[in-house]
């Protein structure tokens, strides 16, 4: 399938944001971006609208669009609530998960490892989120699943902005092992240890966030 120019612009701007080339809180100037990317202003405008819709950028009628810049306190608050809701989800899901679900979860974890090693940023977060959403769905509580989905979307944005994905490539990514531990306890129908594993996983995730990330040495103005 051919990738549209807007898709290309969206991907390039999103990667530039995630790598710190476009700094948090900075304005997304349509003309400058269009010139840097060699694309039309209309194409870039469409890409920016998608970033605003996702939550990676804020829009003001007077100031235009700019990259979001949440505080560490805001990030921790979101992860704190997410952890409590996902603990509730695993305690309920333990009664509804079947062999097909566990097969799907193990398959997703294997994909998570491969995509991480392949440096596919978007797919990595997509698969990571899918693991958590599958468990939330099996809690058989649509209201709970709805709020977990909203928090996952928001916290994934924080990870894209502050979690050093490209630095993690040089380090030890513990997320797949932590997911495997959660699934193992779910298979054992051990709701207590499942909750503990989920809480520890999200605690580890938020502890890796650095709101004072330094601009890369190869900083570029996009």
C-alpha atoms as a PDB file:
ATOM      1  CA  UNK A   1       0.000   0.000   0.000  1.00  0.00           C
ATOM      2  CA  UNK A   2       1.368   3.398  -1.002  1.00  0.00           C
ATOM      3  CA  UNK A   3       2.059   5.799   1.840  1.00  0.00           C
ATOM      4  CA  UNK A   4       0.494   9.229   1.315  1.00  0.00           C
ATOM      5  CA  UNK A   5       2.518  12.415   1.595  1.00  0.00           C
ATOM      6  CA  UNK A   6       0.536  13.341   4.690  1.00  0.00           C
ATOM      7  CA  UNK A   7       1.430   9.990   6.267  1.00  0.00           C
ATOM      8  CA  UNK A   8       5.087  10.615   5.463  1.00  0.00           C
ATOM      9  CA  UNK A   9       4.951  14.104   6.968  1.00  0.00           C
ATOM     10  CA  UNK A  10       3.170  12.780  10.055  1.00  0.00           C
ATOM     11  CA  UNK A  11       5.753  10.003  10.558  1.00  0.00           C
ATOM     12  CA  UNK A  12       8.715  12.348  10.115  1.00  0.00           C
ATOM     13  CA  UNK A  13       7.364  14.979  12.492  1.00  0.00           C
ATOM     14  CA  UNK A  14       6.403  12.373  15.086  1.00  0.00           C
ATOM     15  CA  UNK A  15       9.857  10.779  14.966  1.00  0.00           C
ATOM     16  CA  UNK A  16      11.462  14.217  15.203  1.00  0.00           C
ATOM     17  CA  UNK A  17       9.397  14.891  18.333  1.00  0.00           C
ATOM     18  CA  UNK A  18      10.223  11.506  19.876  1.00  0.00           C
ATOM     19  CA  UNK A  19      13.967  11.987  19.275  1.00  0.00           C
ATOM     20  CA  UNK A  20      13.930  15.517  20.648  1.00  0.00           C
ATOM     21  CA  UNK A  21      14.676  17.224  17.352  1.00  0.00           C
ATOM     22  CA  UNK A  22      11.469  19.170  17.840  1.00  0.00           C
ATOM     23  CA  UNK A  23      11.447  20.101  21.491  1.00  0.00           C
ATOM     24  CA  UNK A  24       8.523  19.787  23.861  1.00  0.00           C
ATOM     25  CA  UNK A  25       6.445  22.950  24.092  1.00  0.00           C
ATOM     26  CA  UNK A  26       7.795  24.328  20.821  1.00  0.00           C
ATOM     27  CA  UNK A  27       5.469  25.669  18.150  1.00  0.00           C
ATOM     28  CA  UNK A  28       4.851  23.533  15.055  1.00  0.00           C
ATOM     29  CA  UNK A  29       5.295  26.107  12.318  1.00  0.00           C
ATOM     30  CA  UNK A  30       3.619  24.919   9.136  1.00  0.00           C
ATOM     31  CA  UNK A  31       5.766  26.979   6.747  1.00  0.00           C
ATOM     32  CA  UNK A  32       9.087  26.018   8.375  1.00  0.00           C
ATOM     33  CA  UNK A  33       8.149  22.351   8.533  1.00  0.00           C
ATOM     34  CA  UNK A  34       6.928  22.366   4.944  1.00  0.00           C
ATOM     35  CA  UNK A  35      10.243  23.869   3.799  1.00  0.00           C
ATOM     36  CA  UNK A  36      12.308  21.433   5.880  1.00  0.00           C
ATOM     37  CA  UNK A  37      10.363  18.405   4.641  1.00  0.00           C
ATOM     38  CA  UNK A  38      10.054  19.594   1.059  1.00  0.00           C
ATOM     39  CA  UNK A  39       6.282  19.248   1.196  1.00  0.00           C
ATOM     40  CA  UNK A  40       3.323  21.538   0.764  1.00  0.00           C
ATOM     41  CA  UNK A  41       1.930  23.529   3.677  1.00  0.00           C
ATOM     42  CA  UNK A  42      -1.444  21.787   3.243  1.00  0.00           C
ATOM     43  CA  UNK A  43       0.221  18.377   3.640  1.00  0.00           C
ATOM     44  CA  UNK A  44       2.029  19.454   6.795  1.00  0.00           C
ATOM     45  CA  UNK A  45      -1.144  21.045   8.163  1.00  0.00           C
ATOM     46  CA  UNK A  46      -2.972  17.724   7.810  1.00  0.00           C
ATOM     47  CA  UNK A  47      -0.139  15.920   9.603  1.00  0.00           C
ATOM     48  CA  UNK A  48      -0.212  18.432  12.457  1.00  0.00           C
ATOM     49  CA  UNK A  49      -3.966  17.989  12.827  1.00  0.00           C
ATOM     50  CA  UNK A  50      -3.379  14.264  13.360  1.00  0.00           C
ATOM     51  CA  UNK A  51      -0.761  14.995  16.019  1.00  0.00           C
ATOM     52  CA  UNK A  52      -3.237  17.285  17.798  1.00  0.00           C
ATOM     53  CA  UNK A  53      -5.946  14.611  17.596  1.00  0.00           C
ATOM     54  CA  UNK A  54      -3.546  12.048  19.096  1.00  0.00           C
ATOM     55  CA  UNK A  55      -2.610  14.403  21.912  1.00  0.00           C
ATOM     56  CA  UNK A  56       1.034  14.895  20.948  1.00  0.00           C
ATOM     57  CA  UNK A  57       0.308  18.530  20.215  1.00  0.00           C
ATOM     58  CA  UNK A  58      -2.019  21.192  21.598  1.00  0.00           C
ATOM     59  CA  UNK A  59      -3.870  23.708  19.454  1.00  0.00           C
ATOM     60  CA  UNK A  60      -4.803  27.286  20.296  1.00  0.00           C
ATOM     61  CA  UNK A  61      -6.732  29.523  17.852  1.00  0.00           C
ATOM     62  CA  UNK A  62      -4.366  32.368  18.666  1.00  0.00           C
ATOM     63  CA  UNK A  63      -1.052  30.518  18.889  1.00  0.00           C
ATOM     64  CA  UNK A  64      -1.554  27.550  16.578  1.00  0.00           C
ATOM     65  CA  UNK A  65      -0.199  24.062  17.356  1.00  0.00           C
ATOM     66  CA  UNK A  66       2.668  23.253  19.687  1.00  0.00           C
ATOM     67  CA  UNK A  67       4.151  20.070  21.104  1.00  0.00           C
ATOM     68  CA  UNK A  68       2.674  19.174  24.504  1.00  0.00           C
ATOM     69  CA  UNK A  69       4.921  19.639  27.522  1.00  0.00           C
ATOM     70  CA  UNK A  70       3.406  17.986  30.606  1.00  0.00           C
ATOM     71  CA  UNK A  71       5.047  18.186  34.019  1.00  0.00           C
ATOM     72  CA  UNK A  72       6.464  15.171  35.828  1.00  0.00           C
ATOM     73  CA  UNK A  73       3.650  15.513  38.387  1.00  0.00           C
ATOM     74  CA  UNK A  74       1.015  15.258  35.635  1.00  0.00           C
ATOM     75  CA  UNK A  75       2.721  12.210  34.172  1.00  0.00           C
ATOM     76  CA  UNK A  76       3.010  10.448  37.538  1.00  0.00           C
ATOM     77  CA  UNK A  77      -0.643  11.204  38.335  1.00  0.00           C
ATOM     78  CA  UNK A  78      -1.797   9.566  35.096  1.00  0.00           C
ATOM     79  CA  UNK A  79       0.347   6.482  35.655  1.00  0.00           C
ATOM     80  CA  UNK A  80      -0.848   6.249  39.255  1.00  0.00           C
ATOM     81  CA  UNK A  81      -4.486   6.104  38.185  1.00  0.00           C
ATOM     82  CA  UNK A  82      -3.680   3.796  35.270  1.00  0.00           C
ATOM     83  CA  UNK A  83      -1.912   1.364  37.614  1.00  0.00           C
ATOM     84  CA  UNK A  84      -4.934   1.129  39.911  1.00  0.00           C
ATOM     85  CA  UNK A  85      -7.343   0.590  37.014  1.00  0.00           C
ATOM     86  CA  UNK A  86      -5.138  -2.038  35.397  1.00  0.00           C
ATOM     87  CA  UNK A  87      -4.740  -3.848  38.709  1.00  0.00           C
ATOM     88  CA  UNK A  88      -8.525  -4.027  38.825  1.00  0.00           C
ATOM     89  CA  UNK A  89      -8.541  -5.241  35.213  1.00  0.00           C
ATOM     90  CA  UNK A  90      -6.203  -8.180  35.845  1.00  0.00           C
ATOM     91  CA  UNK A  91      -8.130  -9.189  38.966  1.00  0.00           C
ATOM     92  CA  UNK A  92     -11.295  -9.420  36.844  1.00  0.00           C
ATOM     93  CA  UNK A  93      -9.699 -10.760  33.667  1.00  0.00           C
ATOM     94  CA  UNK A  94      -8.247 -13.764  35.498  1.00  0.00           C
ATOM     95  CA  UNK A  95     -11.765 -15.251  35.486  1.00  0.00           C
ATOM     96  CA  UNK A  96     -12.397 -14.701  31.759  1.00  0.00           C
ATOM     97  CA  UNK A  97      -9.142 -15.298  29.906  1.00  0.00           C
ATOM     98  CA  UNK A  98      -9.137 -18.526  27.890  1.00  0.00           C
ATOM     99  CA  UNK A  99      -6.375 -20.478  26.044  1.00  0.00           C
ATOM    100  CA  UNK A 100      -6.914 -18.463  22.854  1.00  0.00           C
ATOM    101  CA  UNK A 101      -6.376 -15.244  24.794  1.00  0.00           C
ATOM    102  CA  UNK A 102      -3.151 -16.526  26.316  1.00  0.00           C
ATOM    103  CA  UNK A 103      -1.947 -17.650  22.897  1.00  0.00           C
ATOM    104  CA  UNK A 104      -2.649 -14.135  21.607  1.00  0.00           C
ATOM    105  CA  UNK A 105      -0.839 -12.528  24.544  1.00  0.00           C
ATOM    106  CA  UNK A 106       2.271 -14.672  24.111  1.00  0.00           C
ATOM    107  CA  UNK A 107       2.237 -13.920  20.389  1.00  0.00           C
ATOM    108  CA  UNK A 108       2.052 -10.179  21.077  1.00  0.00           C
ATOM    109  CA  UNK A 109       4.962 -10.372  23.515  1.00  0.00           C
ATOM    110  CA  UNK A 110       7.103 -12.131  20.907  1.00  0.00           C
ATOM    111  CA  UNK A 111       6.156  -9.432  18.396  1.00  0.00           C
ATOM    112  CA  UNK A 112       7.043  -6.800  20.982  1.00  0.00           C
ATOM    113  CA  UNK A 113      10.586  -8.200  21.194  1.00  0.00           C
ATOM    114  CA  UNK A 114      11.050  -8.369  17.424  1.00  0.00           C
ATOM    115  CA  UNK A 115       9.640  -4.919  16.732  1.00  0.00           C
ATOM    116  CA  UNK A 116      11.778  -3.379  19.480  1.00  0.00           C
ATOM    117  CA  UNK A 117      14.931  -4.929  18.021  1.00  0.00           C
ATOM    118  CA  UNK A 118      13.880  -3.729  14.569  1.00  0.00           C
ATOM    119  CA  UNK A 119      13.638  -0.161  15.921  1.00  0.00           C
ATOM    120  CA  UNK A 120      10.046   0.219  14.757  1.00  0.00           C
ATOM    121  CA  UNK A 121       8.926   2.897  17.206  1.00  0.00           C
ATOM    122  CA  UNK A 122       5.246   3.213  16.274  1.00  0.00           C
ATOM    123  CA  UNK A 123       4.656  -0.533  16.031  1.00  0.00           C
ATOM    124  CA  UNK A 124       6.420  -1.093  19.340  1.00  0.00           C
ATOM    125  CA  UNK A 125       4.056   1.165  21.242  1.00  0.00           C
ATOM    126  CA  UNK A 126       1.088  -0.184  19.264  1.00  0.00           C
ATOM    127  CA  UNK A 127       1.882  -3.771  20.296  1.00  0.00           C
ATOM    128  CA  UNK A 128       2.689  -2.757  23.856  1.00  0.00           C
ATOM    129  CA  UNK A 129      -0.702  -1.071  24.121  1.00  0.00           C
ATOM    130  CA  UNK A 130      -2.444  -4.077  22.529  1.00  0.00           C
ATOM    131  CA  UNK A 131      -1.195  -6.338  25.339  1.00  0.00           C
ATOM    132  CA  UNK A 132      -2.705  -4.110  27.995  1.00  0.00           C
ATOM    133  CA  UNK A 133      -5.921  -3.519  26.046  1.00  0.00           C
ATOM    134  CA  UNK A 134      -6.529  -7.242  25.532  1.00  0.00           C
ATOM    135  CA  UNK A 135      -6.350  -7.818  29.285  1.00  0.00           C
ATOM    136  CA  UNK A 136      -8.585  -4.804  29.949  1.00  0.00           C
ATOM    137  CA  UNK A 137     -11.162  -6.091  27.467  1.00  0.00           C
ATOM    138  CA  UNK A 138     -11.249  -9.501  29.160  1.00  0.00           C
ATOM    139  CA  UNK A 139     -12.118  -7.835  32.459  1.00  0.00           C
ATOM    140  CA  UNK A 140     -15.660  -7.827  31.053  1.00  0.00           C
ATOM    141  CA  UNK A 141     -16.294  -4.307  32.306  1.00  0.00           C
ATOM    142  CA  UNK A 142     -16.766  -1.876  29.383  1.00  0.00           C
ATOM    143  CA  UNK A 143     -16.546   1.207  31.601  1.00  0.00           C
ATOM    144  CA  UNK A 144     -13.231   0.062  33.049  1.00  0.00           C
ATOM    145  CA  UNK A 145     -11.896  -0.805  29.587  1.00  0.00           C
ATOM    146  CA  UNK A 146     -12.930   2.617  28.285  1.00  0.00           C
ATOM    147  CA  UNK A 147     -10.994   4.532  30.910  1.00  0.00           C
ATOM    148  CA  UNK A 148      -7.972   2.266  30.633  1.00  0.00           C
ATOM    149  CA  UNK A 149      -7.922   2.875  26.870  1.00  0.00           C
ATOM    150  CA  UNK A 150      -7.998   6.645  27.439  1.00  0.00           C
ATOM    151  CA  UNK A 151      -5.175   6.506  29.964  1.00  0.00           C
ATOM    152  CA  UNK A 152      -3.094   4.218  27.766  1.00  0.00           C
ATOM    153  CA  UNK A 153      -3.417   6.701  24.917  1.00  0.00           C
ATOM    154  CA  UNK A 154      -2.329   9.588  27.152  1.00  0.00           C
ATOM    155  CA  UNK A 155       0.546   7.746  28.852  1.00  0.00           C
ATOM    156  CA  UNK A 156       1.833   6.395  25.530  1.00  0.00           C
ATOM    157  CA  UNK A 157       2.167  10.002  24.409  1.00  0.00           C
ATOM    158  CA  UNK A 158       4.275  10.671  27.507  1.00  0.00           C
ATOM    159  CA  UNK A 159       6.473   7.689  26.673  1.00  0.00           C
ATOM    160  CA  UNK A 160       6.963   8.921  23.121  1.00  0.00           C
ATOM    161  CA  UNK A 161       7.967  12.319  24.481  1.00  0.00           C
ATOM    162  CA  UNK A 162      10.082  11.366  27.475  1.00  0.00           C
ATOM    163  CA  UNK A 163      10.907   7.666  27.537  1.00  0.00           C
ATOM    164  CA  UNK A 164      14.279   7.324  25.782  1.00  0.00           C
ATOM    165  CA  UNK A 165      13.250   4.617  23.276  1.00  0.00           C
ATOM    166  CA  UNK A 166      16.340   5.150  21.181  1.00  0.00           C
ATOM    167  CA  UNK A 167      18.513   5.030  24.293  1.00  0.00           C
ATOM    168  CA  UNK A 168      16.744   1.864  25.419  1.00  0.00           C
ATOM    169  CA  UNK A 169      18.009   0.199  22.272  1.00  0.00           C
ATOM    170  CA  UNK A 170      21.451   0.338  23.819  1.00  0.00           C
ATOM    171  CA  UNK A 171      20.199  -0.889  27.178  1.00  0.00           C
ATOM    172  CA  UNK A 172      18.147  -3.791  28.501  1.00  0.00           C
ATOM    173  CA  UNK A 173      14.449  -3.495  27.710  1.00  0.00           C
ATOM    174  CA  UNK A 174      12.651  -5.274  30.559  1.00  0.00           C
ATOM    175  CA  UNK A 175       9.099  -4.689  29.284  1.00  0.00           C
ATOM    176  CA  UNK A 176       8.659  -8.075  27.500  1.00  0.00           C
ATOM    177  CA  UNK A 177       9.842  -9.970  30.589  1.00  0.00           C
ATOM    178  CA  UNK A 178       7.473  -7.970  32.764  1.00  0.00           C
ATOM    179  CA  UNK A 179       4.592  -8.697  30.384  1.00  0.00           C
ATOM    180  CA  UNK A 180       5.475 -12.395  30.480  1.00  0.00           C
ATOM    181  CA  UNK A 181       5.382 -12.337  34.282  1.00  0.00           C
ATOM    182  CA  UNK A 182       1.914 -10.730  34.262  1.00  0.00           C
ATOM    183  CA  UNK A 183       0.620 -13.316  31.788  1.00  0.00           C
ATOM    184  CA  UNK A 184       2.218 -16.180  33.734  1.00  0.00           C
ATOM    185  CA  UNK A 185       0.367 -15.245  36.909  1.00  0.00           C
ATOM    186  CA  UNK A 186      -2.852 -14.788  34.951  1.00  0.00           C
ATOM    187  CA  UNK A 187      -2.452 -18.299  33.557  1.00  0.00           C
ATOM    188  CA  UNK A 188      -2.012 -19.511  37.131  1.00  0.00           C
ATOM    189  CA  UNK A 189      -5.207 -17.632  38.026  1.00  0.00           C
ATOM    190  CA  UNK A 190      -3.248 -15.843  40.722  1.00  0.00           C
ATOM    191  CA  UNK A 191      -4.974 -12.474  40.851  1.00  0.00           C
ATOM    192  CA  UNK A 192      -2.855 -11.134  43.726  1.00  0.00           C
ATOM    193  CA  UNK A 193       0.486 -11.722  41.999  1.00  0.00           C
ATOM    194  CA  UNK A 194      -0.984 -10.558  38.694  1.00  0.00           C
ATOM    195  CA  UNK A 195      -1.916  -7.253  40.313  1.00  0.00           C
ATOM    196  CA  UNK A 196       1.520  -6.939  41.895  1.00  0.00           C
ATOM    197  CA  UNK A 197       3.253  -7.691  38.582  1.00  0.00           C
ATOM    198  CA  UNK A 198       1.122  -5.148  36.748  1.00  0.00           C
ATOM    199  CA  UNK A 199       1.762  -2.440  39.330  1.00  0.00           C
ATOM    200  CA  UNK A 200       5.512  -3.135  39.283  1.00  0.00           C
ATOM    201  CA  UNK A 201       5.538  -3.034  35.485  1.00  0.00           C
ATOM    202  CA  UNK A 202       3.887   0.397  35.356  1.00  0.00           C
ATOM    203  CA  UNK A 203       6.063   1.675  38.214  1.00  0.00           C
ATOM    204  CA  UNK A 204       9.145   0.646  36.240  1.00  0.00           C
ATOM    205  CA  UNK A 205       7.731   2.321  33.156  1.00  0.00           C
ATOM    206  CA  UNK A 206       7.160   5.692  34.789  1.00  0.00           C
ATOM    207  CA  UNK A 207      10.532   5.535  36.574  1.00  0.00           C
ATOM    208  CA  UNK A 208      12.237   5.484  33.171  1.00  0.00           C
ATOM    209  CA  UNK A 209      10.686   8.767  32.132  1.00  0.00           C
ATOM    210  CA  UNK A 210      13.072  11.704  32.115  1.00  0.00           C
ATOM    211  CA  UNK A 211      11.372  15.069  31.714  1.00  0.00           C
ATOM    212  CA  UNK A 212      14.773  16.742  31.513  1.00  0.00           C
ATOM    213  CA  UNK A 213      15.989  14.832  28.495  1.00  0.00           C
ATOM    214  CA  UNK A 214      18.892  16.625  26.885  1.00  0.00           C
ATOM    215  CA  UNK A 215      18.613  17.663  23.247  1.00  0.00           C
ATOM    216  CA  UNK A 216      20.550  15.117  21.105  1.00  0.00           C
ATOM    217  CA  UNK A 217      24.033  16.014  19.860  1.00  0.00           C
ATOM    218  CA  UNK A 218      22.768  15.796  16.298  1.00  0.00           C
ATOM    219  CA  UNK A 219      19.960  18.272  16.985  1.00  0.00           C
ATOM    220  CA  UNK A 220      18.254  19.525  13.881  1.00  0.00           C
ATOM    221  CA  UNK A 221      15.594  22.185  13.448  1.00  0.00           C
ATOM    222  CA  UNK A 222      12.716  20.537  11.574  1.00  0.00           C
END
